[in-house]
Amino acid sequence: MKGLVTPKRGAFALATLVALLVASAAGTSGAEATNSSTPAHAKLILRKSEIGKVIFDSNGNVVYMFGRDKTATSTCYGVCAKAWPPLLTKRAPSVGPGLNANLLGATKRRDGSLQVTYNHHPLYFYSADMHGKIMCQHAIMHGGIWLVLKANGTPNMAKGKMRM
């Protein structure tokens, strides 16, 4: 029915609102979102989740790929990068068991920082995620879909639960 807010629409609306609030609180300048605590050495690990084994960082935070990124070059800057901060590293990243080191890489962002890539997908976090949880699988924000990655570097298309 037109105008009816279903649970699915409600969850998406809530996720969008949270992303906008996070971006708003962080400021909305077009400047690059950088993390002053960029790890010297980022490491990716494979962990079990409610939608199968997917890639996390070594701190237990799930990483996402952005469907709008058609190459290893990021298209997520400004407000997008505030809601979806890039996984940055200062030196060459590494992988844990079950992941392929040949799929690992890094790409330079506009500000010169290095963003970790896996199978040519620039990697991101979701700013409102809870540690160890997949909160925004299959979210459509900032002009593209956000998905977690399987060990082989392909997007996991399983529908996860949107939690807020």
C-alpha atoms as a PDB file:
ATOM      1  CA  MET A   1       0.000   0.000   0.000  1.00  0.00           C
ATOM      2  CA  LYS A   2       1.207   3.451  -0.834  1.00  0.00           C
ATOM      3  CA  GLY A   3       2.515   5.389   2.164  1.00  0.00           C
ATOM      4  CA  LEU A   4       2.555   2.364   4.455  1.00  0.00           C
ATOM      5  CA  VAL A   5       5.751   2.043   6.502  1.00  0.00           C
ATOM      6  CA  THR A   6       6.671  -1.631   6.519  1.00  0.00           C
ATOM      7  CA  PRO A   7       9.321  -3.021   8.899  1.00  0.00           C
ATOM      8  CA  LYS A   8      11.753  -3.272   5.957  1.00  0.00           C
ATOM      9  CA  ARG A   9      11.108   0.346   4.906  1.00  0.00           C
ATOM     10  CA  GLY A  10      11.241   1.442   8.530  1.00  0.00           C
ATOM     11  CA  ALA A  11      14.642  -0.210   9.048  1.00  0.00           C
ATOM     12  CA  PHE A  12      15.997   1.397   5.883  1.00  0.00           C
ATOM     13  CA  ALA A  13      14.615   4.795   6.893  1.00  0.00           C
ATOM     14  CA  LEU A  14      16.165   4.424  10.335  1.00  0.00           C
ATOM     15  CA  ALA A  15      19.539   3.403   8.850  1.00  0.00           C
ATOM     16  CA  THR A  16      19.450   6.395   6.519  1.00  0.00           C
ATOM     17  CA  LEU A  17      18.547   8.732   9.380  1.00  0.00           C
ATOM     18  CA  VAL A  18      21.384   7.393  11.541  1.00  0.00           C
ATOM     19  CA  ALA A  19      23.854   7.860   8.660  1.00  0.00           C
ATOM     20  CA  LEU A  20      22.691  11.436   8.163  1.00  0.00           C
ATOM     21  CA  LEU A  21      22.877  12.196  11.877  1.00  0.00           C
ATOM     22  CA  VAL A  22      26.393  10.747  12.110  1.00  0.00           C
ATOM     23  CA  ALA A  23      27.488  12.780   9.111  1.00  0.00           C
ATOM     24  CA  SER A  24      25.825  15.851  10.517  1.00  0.00           C
ATOM     25  CA  ALA A  25      27.461  15.482  13.921  1.00  0.00           C
ATOM     26  CA  ALA A  26      30.847  15.056  12.270  1.00  0.00           C
ATOM     27  CA  GLY A  27      30.363  18.139  10.083  1.00  0.00           C
ATOM     28  CA  THR A  28      29.421  18.187   6.435  1.00  0.00           C
ATOM     29  CA  SER A  29      32.400  19.755   4.751  1.00  0.00           C
ATOM     30  CA  GLY A  30      33.661  18.154   1.590  1.00  0.00           C
ATOM     31  CA  ALA A  31      36.980  17.501   3.290  1.00  0.00           C
ATOM     32  CA  GLU A  32      38.336  14.002   3.364  1.00  0.00           C
ATOM     33  CA  ALA A  33      37.428  11.966   6.429  1.00  0.00           C
ATOM     34  CA  THR A  34      40.693  10.892   7.973  1.00  0.00           C
ATOM     35  CA  ASN A  35      41.319   8.886  11.071  1.00  0.00           C
ATOM     36  CA  SER A  36      44.085  10.185  13.298  1.00  0.00           C
ATOM     37  CA  SER A  37      44.387   6.673  14.712  1.00  0.00           C
ATOM     38  CA  THR A  38      45.129   5.035  11.359  1.00  0.00           C
ATOM     39  CA  PRO A  39      46.721   1.694  12.174  1.00  0.00           C
ATOM     40  CA  ALA A  40      50.325   1.249  11.110  1.00  0.00           C
ATOM     41  CA  HIS A  41      49.397  -2.183   9.801  1.00  0.00           C
ATOM     42  CA  ALA A  42      45.810  -3.187   8.942  1.00  0.00           C
ATOM     43  CA  LYS A  43      44.974  -6.890   9.004  1.00  0.00           C
ATOM     44  CA  LEU A  44      41.911  -8.637   7.608  1.00  0.00           C
ATOM     45  CA  ILE A  45      40.491 -11.781   9.194  1.00  0.00           C
ATOM     46  CA  LEU A  46      37.750 -14.241   8.293  1.00  0.00           C
ATOM     47  CA  ARG A  47      35.004 -14.714  10.888  1.00  0.00           C
ATOM     48  CA  LYS A  48      31.758 -16.617  11.142  1.00  0.00           C
ATOM     49  CA  SER A  49      28.629 -14.491  11.105  1.00  0.00           C
ATOM     50  CA  GLU A  50      24.880 -14.950  10.798  1.00  0.00           C
ATOM     51  CA  ILE A  51      25.277 -14.856   6.991  1.00  0.00           C
ATOM     52  CA  GLY A  52      28.342 -17.093   6.707  1.00  0.00           C
ATOM     53  CA  LYS A  53      32.070 -16.426   6.877  1.00  0.00           C
ATOM     54  CA  VAL A  54      32.863 -12.815   6.012  1.00  0.00           C
ATOM     55  CA  ILE A  55      35.776 -10.408   6.305  1.00  0.00           C
ATOM     56  CA  PHE A  56      36.423  -8.352   9.441  1.00  0.00           C
ATOM     57  CA  ASP A  57      39.399  -6.284  10.532  1.00  0.00           C
ATOM     58  CA  SER A  58      41.684  -7.599  13.275  1.00  0.00           C
ATOM     59  CA  ASN A  59      39.681  -5.628  15.881  1.00  0.00           C
ATOM     60  CA  GLY A  60      36.513  -7.582  15.056  1.00  0.00           C
ATOM     61  CA  ASN A  61      34.787  -4.877  12.998  1.00  0.00           C
ATOM     62  CA  VAL A  62      33.059  -6.013   9.799  1.00  0.00           C
ATOM     63  CA  VAL A  63      34.220  -4.353   6.588  1.00  0.00           C
ATOM     64  CA  TYR A  64      32.016  -3.486   3.632  1.00  0.00           C
ATOM     65  CA  MET A  65      32.461  -2.847  -0.075  1.00  0.00           C
ATOM     66  CA  PHE A  66      30.566  -0.083  -1.885  1.00  0.00           C
ATOM     67  CA  GLY A  67      28.773  -1.068  -5.083  1.00  0.00           C
ATOM     68  CA  ARG A  68      29.421   2.357  -6.596  1.00  0.00           C
ATOM     69  CA  ASP A  69      33.184   1.676  -6.559  1.00  0.00           C
ATOM     70  CA  LYS A  70      33.722   0.119  -9.999  1.00  0.00           C
ATOM     71  CA  THR A  71      37.522  -0.036  -9.631  1.00  0.00           C
ATOM     72  CA  ALA A  72      40.009  -0.084  -6.751  1.00  0.00           C
ATOM     73  CA  THR A  73      39.592   3.716  -6.571  1.00  0.00           C
ATOM     74  CA  SER A  74      37.174   4.926  -3.900  1.00  0.00           C
ATOM     75  CA  THR A  75      34.176   7.074  -4.798  1.00  0.00           C
ATOM     76  CA  CYS A  76      33.147   7.601  -1.153  1.00  0.00           C
ATOM     77  CA  TYR A  77      34.209  11.044   0.124  1.00  0.00           C
ATOM     78  CA  GLY A  78      32.734  13.860   2.213  1.00  0.00           C
ATOM     79  CA  VAL A  79      29.438  12.935   3.900  1.00  0.00           C
ATOM     80  CA  CYS A  80      29.707   9.388   2.531  1.00  0.00           C
ATOM     81  CA  ALA A  81      33.144   8.861   4.123  1.00  0.00           C
ATOM     82  CA  LYS A  82      31.904  10.217   7.447  1.00  0.00           C
ATOM     83  CA  ALA A  83      29.092   7.632   7.542  1.00  0.00           C
ATOM     84  CA  TRP A  84      31.260   4.909   5.940  1.00  0.00           C
ATOM     85  CA  PRO A  85      34.881   5.565   7.022  1.00  0.00           C
ATOM     86  CA  PRO A  86      37.513   3.902   4.835  1.00  0.00           C
ATOM     87  CA  LEU A  87      39.711   1.152   6.298  1.00  0.00           C
ATOM     88  CA  LEU A  88      43.064   2.917   6.303  1.00  0.00           C
ATOM     89  CA  THR A  89      46.596   1.664   6.873  1.00  0.00           C
ATOM     90  CA  LYS A  90      50.036   3.253   7.009  1.00  0.00           C
ATOM     91  CA  ARG A  91      51.935   0.183   5.739  1.00  0.00           C
ATOM     92  CA  ALA A  92      51.119  -2.836   3.606  1.00  0.00           C
ATOM     93  CA  PRO A  93      48.076  -4.663   5.009  1.00  0.00           C
ATOM     94  CA  SER A  94      48.001  -8.407   5.717  1.00  0.00           C
ATOM     95  CA  VAL A  95      45.472 -11.235   5.939  1.00  0.00           C
ATOM     96  CA  GLY A  96      44.784 -14.028   8.392  1.00  0.00           C
ATOM     97  CA  PRO A  97      44.020 -17.702   7.691  1.00  0.00           C
ATOM     98  CA  GLY A  98      41.374 -18.388   5.063  1.00  0.00           C
ATOM     99  CA  LEU A  99      42.014 -15.175   3.124  1.00  0.00           C
ATOM    100  CA  ASN A 100      44.110 -14.800  -0.031  1.00  0.00           C
ATOM    101  CA  ALA A 101      47.074 -12.417   0.284  1.00  0.00           C
ATOM    102  CA  ASN A 102      47.109 -12.084  -3.532  1.00  0.00           C
ATOM    103  CA  LEU A 103      43.707 -10.344  -3.360  1.00  0.00           C
ATOM    104  CA  LEU A 104      44.959  -7.776  -0.840  1.00  0.00           C
ATOM    105  CA  GLY A 105      46.001  -4.294  -1.808  1.00  0.00           C
ATOM    106  CA  ALA A 106      45.787  -0.596  -1.056  1.00  0.00           C
ATOM    107  CA  THR A 107      44.700   2.452  -2.995  1.00  0.00           C
ATOM    108  CA  LYS A 108      45.611   6.091  -2.457  1.00  0.00           C
ATOM    109  CA  ARG A 109      42.804   8.406  -1.414  1.00  0.00           C
ATOM    110  CA  ARG A 110      42.633  12.078  -2.426  1.00  0.00           C
ATOM    111  CA  ASP A 111      44.389  13.131   0.781  1.00  0.00           C
ATOM    112  CA  GLY A 112      47.250  10.661   0.178  1.00  0.00           C
ATOM    113  CA  SER A 113      46.148   8.153   2.843  1.00  0.00           C
ATOM    114  CA  LEU A 114      46.149   4.442   1.979  1.00  0.00           C
ATOM    115  CA  GLN A 115      42.826   2.590   1.905  1.00  0.00           C
ATOM    116  CA  VAL A 116      42.860  -1.209   2.127  1.00  0.00           C
ATOM    117  CA  THR A 117      41.375  -3.117  -0.819  1.00  0.00           C
ATOM    118  CA  TYR A 118      40.440  -6.769  -1.222  1.00  0.00           C
ATOM    119  CA  ASN A 119      39.851  -8.191  -4.702  1.00  0.00           C
ATOM    120  CA  HIS A 120      40.006  -4.585  -5.970  1.00  0.00           C
ATOM    121  CA  HIS A 121      37.183  -3.458  -3.633  1.00  0.00           C
ATOM    122  CA  PRO A 122      38.067  -0.466  -1.400  1.00  0.00           C
ATOM    123  CA  LEU A 123      36.996  -1.406   2.149  1.00  0.00           C
ATOM    124  CA  TYR A 124      34.928   0.604   4.630  1.00  0.00           C
ATOM    125  CA  PHE A 125      33.358   0.428   8.066  1.00  0.00           C
ATOM    126  CA  TYR A 126      29.862   1.641   8.930  1.00  0.00           C
ATOM    127  CA  SER A 127      30.127   4.363  11.578  1.00  0.00           C
ATOM    128  CA  ALA A 128      27.075   3.150  13.551  1.00  0.00           C
ATOM    129  CA  ASP A 129      28.035  -0.548  13.559  1.00  0.00           C
ATOM    130  CA  MET A 130      28.421  -2.357  16.848  1.00  0.00           C
ATOM    131  CA  HIS A 131      31.649  -4.298  17.417  1.00  0.00           C
ATOM    132  CA  GLY A 132      31.419  -7.788  15.896  1.00  0.00           C
ATOM    133  CA  LYS A 133      27.991  -7.188  14.321  1.00  0.00           C
ATOM    134  CA  ILE A 134      26.880  -6.815  10.703  1.00  0.00           C
ATOM    135  CA  MET A 135      24.448  -3.921  10.923  1.00  0.00           C
ATOM    136  CA  CYS A 136      24.051  -2.589   7.384  1.00  0.00           C
ATOM    137  CA  GLN A 137      24.379  -5.491   4.970  1.00  0.00           C
ATOM    138  CA  HIS A 138      22.468  -4.738   1.760  1.00  0.00           C
ATOM    139  CA  ALA A 139      21.948  -1.073   2.713  1.00  0.00           C
ATOM    140  CA  ILE A 140      21.525   1.336  -0.178  1.00  0.00           C
ATOM    141  CA  MET A 141      23.066   4.683   0.709  1.00  0.00           C
ATOM    142  CA  HIS A 142      25.127   7.381  -1.007  1.00  0.00           C
ATOM    143  CA  GLY A 143      24.272   6.099  -4.472  1.00  0.00           C
ATOM    144  CA  GLY A 144      25.192   2.445  -4.059  1.00  0.00           C
ATOM    145  CA  ILE A 145      24.723  -0.801  -2.192  1.00  0.00           C
ATOM    146  CA  TRP A 146      26.901  -1.780   0.774  1.00  0.00           C
ATOM    147  CA  LEU A 147      27.828  -5.454   1.151  1.00  0.00           C
ATOM    148  CA  VAL A 148      30.194  -7.562   3.209  1.00  0.00           C
ATOM    149  CA  LEU A 149      32.739  -9.743   1.402  1.00  0.00           C
ATOM    150  CA  LYS A 150      33.311 -13.485   1.260  1.00  0.00           C
ATOM    151  CA  ALA A 151      36.809 -14.966   1.590  1.00  0.00           C
ATOM    152  CA  ASN A 152      37.180 -15.127  -2.204  1.00  0.00           C
ATOM    153  CA  GLY A 153      36.625 -11.361  -2.431  1.00  0.00           C
ATOM    154  CA  THR A 154      33.144 -11.482  -3.939  1.00  0.00           C
ATOM    155  CA  PRO A 155      30.247  -9.584  -2.383  1.00  0.00           C
ATOM    156  CA  ASN A 156      28.056 -11.626  -0.049  1.00  0.00           C
ATOM    157  CA  MET A 157      24.564 -11.058  -1.412  1.00  0.00           C
ATOM    158  CA  ALA A 158      22.788 -12.669   1.580  1.00  0.00           C
ATOM    159  CA  LYS A 159      20.247 -10.398   3.174  1.00  0.00           C
ATOM    160  CA  GLY A 160      21.294  -9.611   6.710  1.00  0.00           C
ATOM    161  CA  LYS A 161      19.157  -8.107   9.416  1.00  0.00           C
ATOM    162  CA  MET A 162      19.252  -4.333   9.540  1.00  0.00           C
ATOM    163  CA  ARG A 163      19.716  -3.496  13.217  1.00  0.00           C
ATOM    164  CA  MET A 164      19.816  -0.115  14.817  1.00  0.00           C
END
